[in-house]
Amino acid sequence: MTIVYLLIAMTVVGLIVGALAGVIWKGERPVGVPGDYIVAVAAAIATGLLDWYVIPAMGFGDTWKWLGVALEPPLVALFVLWLIAKARQ
């Protein structure tokens, strides 16, 4: 059941980052409105799942797992959108 909550949380994080993309890039969205949402949600879910499974497998405790799941997905989603924006220029 925890994975369901994780997926829901990462989807919400991705949607928030996708919405913020228009504010950050001041109207010139990297992929367009629906594309930004899709890319941000996919990046957040992938990063959240990787953090959830890889951090404990590396021997780190639950504190580091939760910290990684909380901080890394929005940063990676923004980074991926930034990379797409730079690649399109």
C-alpha atoms as a PDB file:
ATOM      1  CA  MET A   1       0.000   0.000   0.000  1.00  0.00           C
ATOM      2  CA  THR A   2       2.952   2.289   0.604  1.00  0.00           C
ATOM      3  CA  ILE A   3       3.876   2.158  -3.092  1.00  0.00           C
ATOM      4  CA  VAL A   4       0.419   3.449  -4.007  1.00  0.00           C
ATOM      5  CA  TYR A   5       0.909   6.415  -1.693  1.00  0.00           C
ATOM      6  CA  LEU A   6       4.378   6.975  -3.132  1.00  0.00           C
ATOM      7  CA  LEU A   7       3.032   6.974  -6.695  1.00  0.00           C
ATOM      8  CA  ILE A   8       0.242   9.375  -5.765  1.00  0.00           C
ATOM      9  CA  ALA A   9       2.669  11.701  -3.995  1.00  0.00           C
ATOM     10  CA  MET A  10       5.152  11.666  -6.896  1.00  0.00           C
ATOM     11  CA  THR A  11       2.317  12.339  -9.359  1.00  0.00           C
ATOM     12  CA  VAL A  12       1.266  15.367  -7.322  1.00  0.00           C
ATOM     13  CA  VAL A  13       4.885  16.562  -7.126  1.00  0.00           C
ATOM     14  CA  GLY A  14       5.216  16.173 -10.898  1.00  0.00           C
ATOM     15  CA  LEU A  15       2.019  18.108 -11.508  1.00  0.00           C
ATOM     16  CA  ILE A  16       3.209  20.930  -9.269  1.00  0.00           C
ATOM     17  CA  VAL A  17       6.579  21.076 -11.034  1.00  0.00           C
ATOM     18  CA  GLY A  18       4.828  20.991 -14.424  1.00  0.00           C
ATOM     19  CA  ALA A  19       2.670  23.919 -13.367  1.00  0.00           C
ATOM     20  CA  LEU A  20       5.695  25.833 -12.103  1.00  0.00           C
ATOM     21  CA  ALA A  21       7.476  25.357 -15.432  1.00  0.00           C
ATOM     22  CA  GLY A  22       5.390  28.125 -16.973  1.00  0.00           C
ATOM     23  CA  VAL A  23       6.339  30.488 -14.170  1.00  0.00           C
ATOM     24  CA  ILE A  24      10.014  29.559 -14.235  1.00  0.00           C
ATOM     25  CA  TRP A  25      10.424  29.802 -18.010  1.00  0.00           C
ATOM     26  CA  LYS A  26       8.077  32.818 -18.276  1.00  0.00           C
ATOM     27  CA  GLY A  27       5.643  31.528 -20.863  1.00  0.00           C
ATOM     28  CA  GLU A  28       8.158  29.642 -23.031  1.00  0.00           C
ATOM     29  CA  ARG A  29       7.559  26.167 -21.707  1.00  0.00           C
ATOM     30  CA  PRO A  30      10.202  23.580 -22.642  1.00  0.00           C
ATOM     31  CA  VAL A  31       7.762  21.047 -24.146  1.00  0.00           C
ATOM     32  CA  GLY A  32       4.417  22.875 -24.074  1.00  0.00           C
ATOM     33  CA  VAL A  33       1.737  22.687 -21.426  1.00  0.00           C
ATOM     34  CA  PRO A  34       0.772  18.995 -21.646  1.00  0.00           C
ATOM     35  CA  GLY A  35       4.343  17.941 -22.380  1.00  0.00           C
ATOM     36  CA  ASP A  36       5.693  19.699 -19.311  1.00  0.00           C
ATOM     37  CA  TYR A  37       3.207  17.924 -17.098  1.00  0.00           C
ATOM     38  CA  ILE A  38       3.947  14.536 -18.652  1.00  0.00           C
ATOM     39  CA  VAL A  39       7.722  14.942 -18.468  1.00  0.00           C
ATOM     40  CA  ALA A  40       7.634  16.260 -14.886  1.00  0.00           C
ATOM     41  CA  VAL A  41       5.338  13.479 -13.653  1.00  0.00           C
ATOM     42  CA  ALA A  42       7.408  10.777 -15.382  1.00  0.00           C
ATOM     43  CA  ALA A  43      10.669  12.163 -13.994  1.00  0.00           C
ATOM     44  CA  ALA A  44       9.250  12.501 -10.474  1.00  0.00           C
ATOM     45  CA  ILE A  45       7.802   8.966 -10.450  1.00  0.00           C
ATOM     46  CA  ALA A  46      10.981   7.408 -11.833  1.00  0.00           C
ATOM     47  CA  THR A  47      13.187   9.251  -9.356  1.00  0.00           C
ATOM     48  CA  GLY A  48      10.876   8.523  -6.426  1.00  0.00           C
ATOM     49  CA  LEU A  49      10.818   4.809  -7.186  1.00  0.00           C
ATOM     50  CA  LEU A  50      14.580   4.690  -7.676  1.00  0.00           C
ATOM     51  CA  ASP A  51      15.119   6.450  -4.355  1.00  0.00           C
ATOM     52  CA  TRP A  52      12.635   4.172  -2.617  1.00  0.00           C
ATOM     53  CA  TYR A  53      14.413   0.989  -3.687  1.00  0.00           C
ATOM     54  CA  VAL A  54      18.049   1.962  -4.337  1.00  0.00           C
ATOM     55  CA  ILE A  55      18.845   3.989  -1.207  1.00  0.00           C
ATOM     56  CA  PRO A  56      18.030   1.086   1.187  1.00  0.00           C
ATOM     57  CA  ALA A  57      19.840  -1.350  -1.128  1.00  0.00           C
ATOM     58  CA  MET A  58      22.960   0.793  -0.754  1.00  0.00           C
ATOM     59  CA  GLY A  59      22.807   0.312   2.999  1.00  0.00           C
ATOM     60  CA  PHE A  60      21.400   3.670   4.047  1.00  0.00           C
ATOM     61  CA  GLY A  61      18.631   3.895   6.620  1.00  0.00           C
ATOM     62  CA  ASP A  62      15.009   4.935   6.378  1.00  0.00           C
ATOM     63  CA  THR A  63      15.823   8.558   7.193  1.00  0.00           C
ATOM     64  CA  TRP A  64      17.937   8.892   4.053  1.00  0.00           C
ATOM     65  CA  LYS A  65      15.302   7.075   2.015  1.00  0.00           C
ATOM     66  CA  TRP A  66      12.556   9.472   3.074  1.00  0.00           C
ATOM     67  CA  LEU A  67      14.824  12.470   2.631  1.00  0.00           C
ATOM     68  CA  GLY A  68      15.721  11.335  -0.892  1.00  0.00           C
ATOM     69  CA  VAL A  69      12.107  10.670  -1.807  1.00  0.00           C
ATOM     70  CA  ALA A  70      11.068  14.091  -0.496  1.00  0.00           C
ATOM     71  CA  LEU A  71      13.794  16.240  -2.045  1.00  0.00           C
ATOM     72  CA  GLU A  72      15.141  14.592  -5.162  1.00  0.00           C
ATOM     73  CA  PRO A  73      12.066  14.074  -7.435  1.00  0.00           C
ATOM     74  CA  PRO A  74      11.125  17.767  -7.784  1.00  0.00           C
ATOM     75  CA  LEU A  75      14.757  18.700  -8.391  1.00  0.00           C
ATOM     76  CA  VAL A  76      15.206  15.986 -11.017  1.00  0.00           C
ATOM     77  CA  ALA A  77      11.927  16.956 -12.733  1.00  0.00           C
ATOM     78  CA  LEU A  78      13.074  20.582 -12.946  1.00  0.00           C
ATOM     79  CA  PHE A  79      16.494  19.473 -14.183  1.00  0.00           C
ATOM     80  CA  VAL A  80      14.967  17.314 -16.924  1.00  0.00           C
ATOM     81  CA  LEU A  81      12.756  20.198 -18.065  1.00  0.00           C
ATOM     82  CA  TRP A  82      15.795  22.494 -18.050  1.00  0.00           C
ATOM     83  CA  LEU A  83      17.767  19.976 -20.137  1.00  0.00           C
ATOM     84  CA  ILE A  84      14.927  19.787 -22.660  1.00  0.00           C
ATOM     85  CA  ALA A  85      14.762  23.587 -22.838  1.00  0.00           C
ATOM     86  CA  LYS A  86      18.531  23.813 -23.422  1.00  0.00           C
ATOM     87  CA  ALA A  87      18.446  21.048 -26.035  1.00  0.00           C
ATOM     88  CA  ARG A  88      15.718  22.847 -27.977  1.00  0.00           C
ATOM     89  CA  GLN A  89      17.760  26.052 -28.233  1.00  0.00           C
END
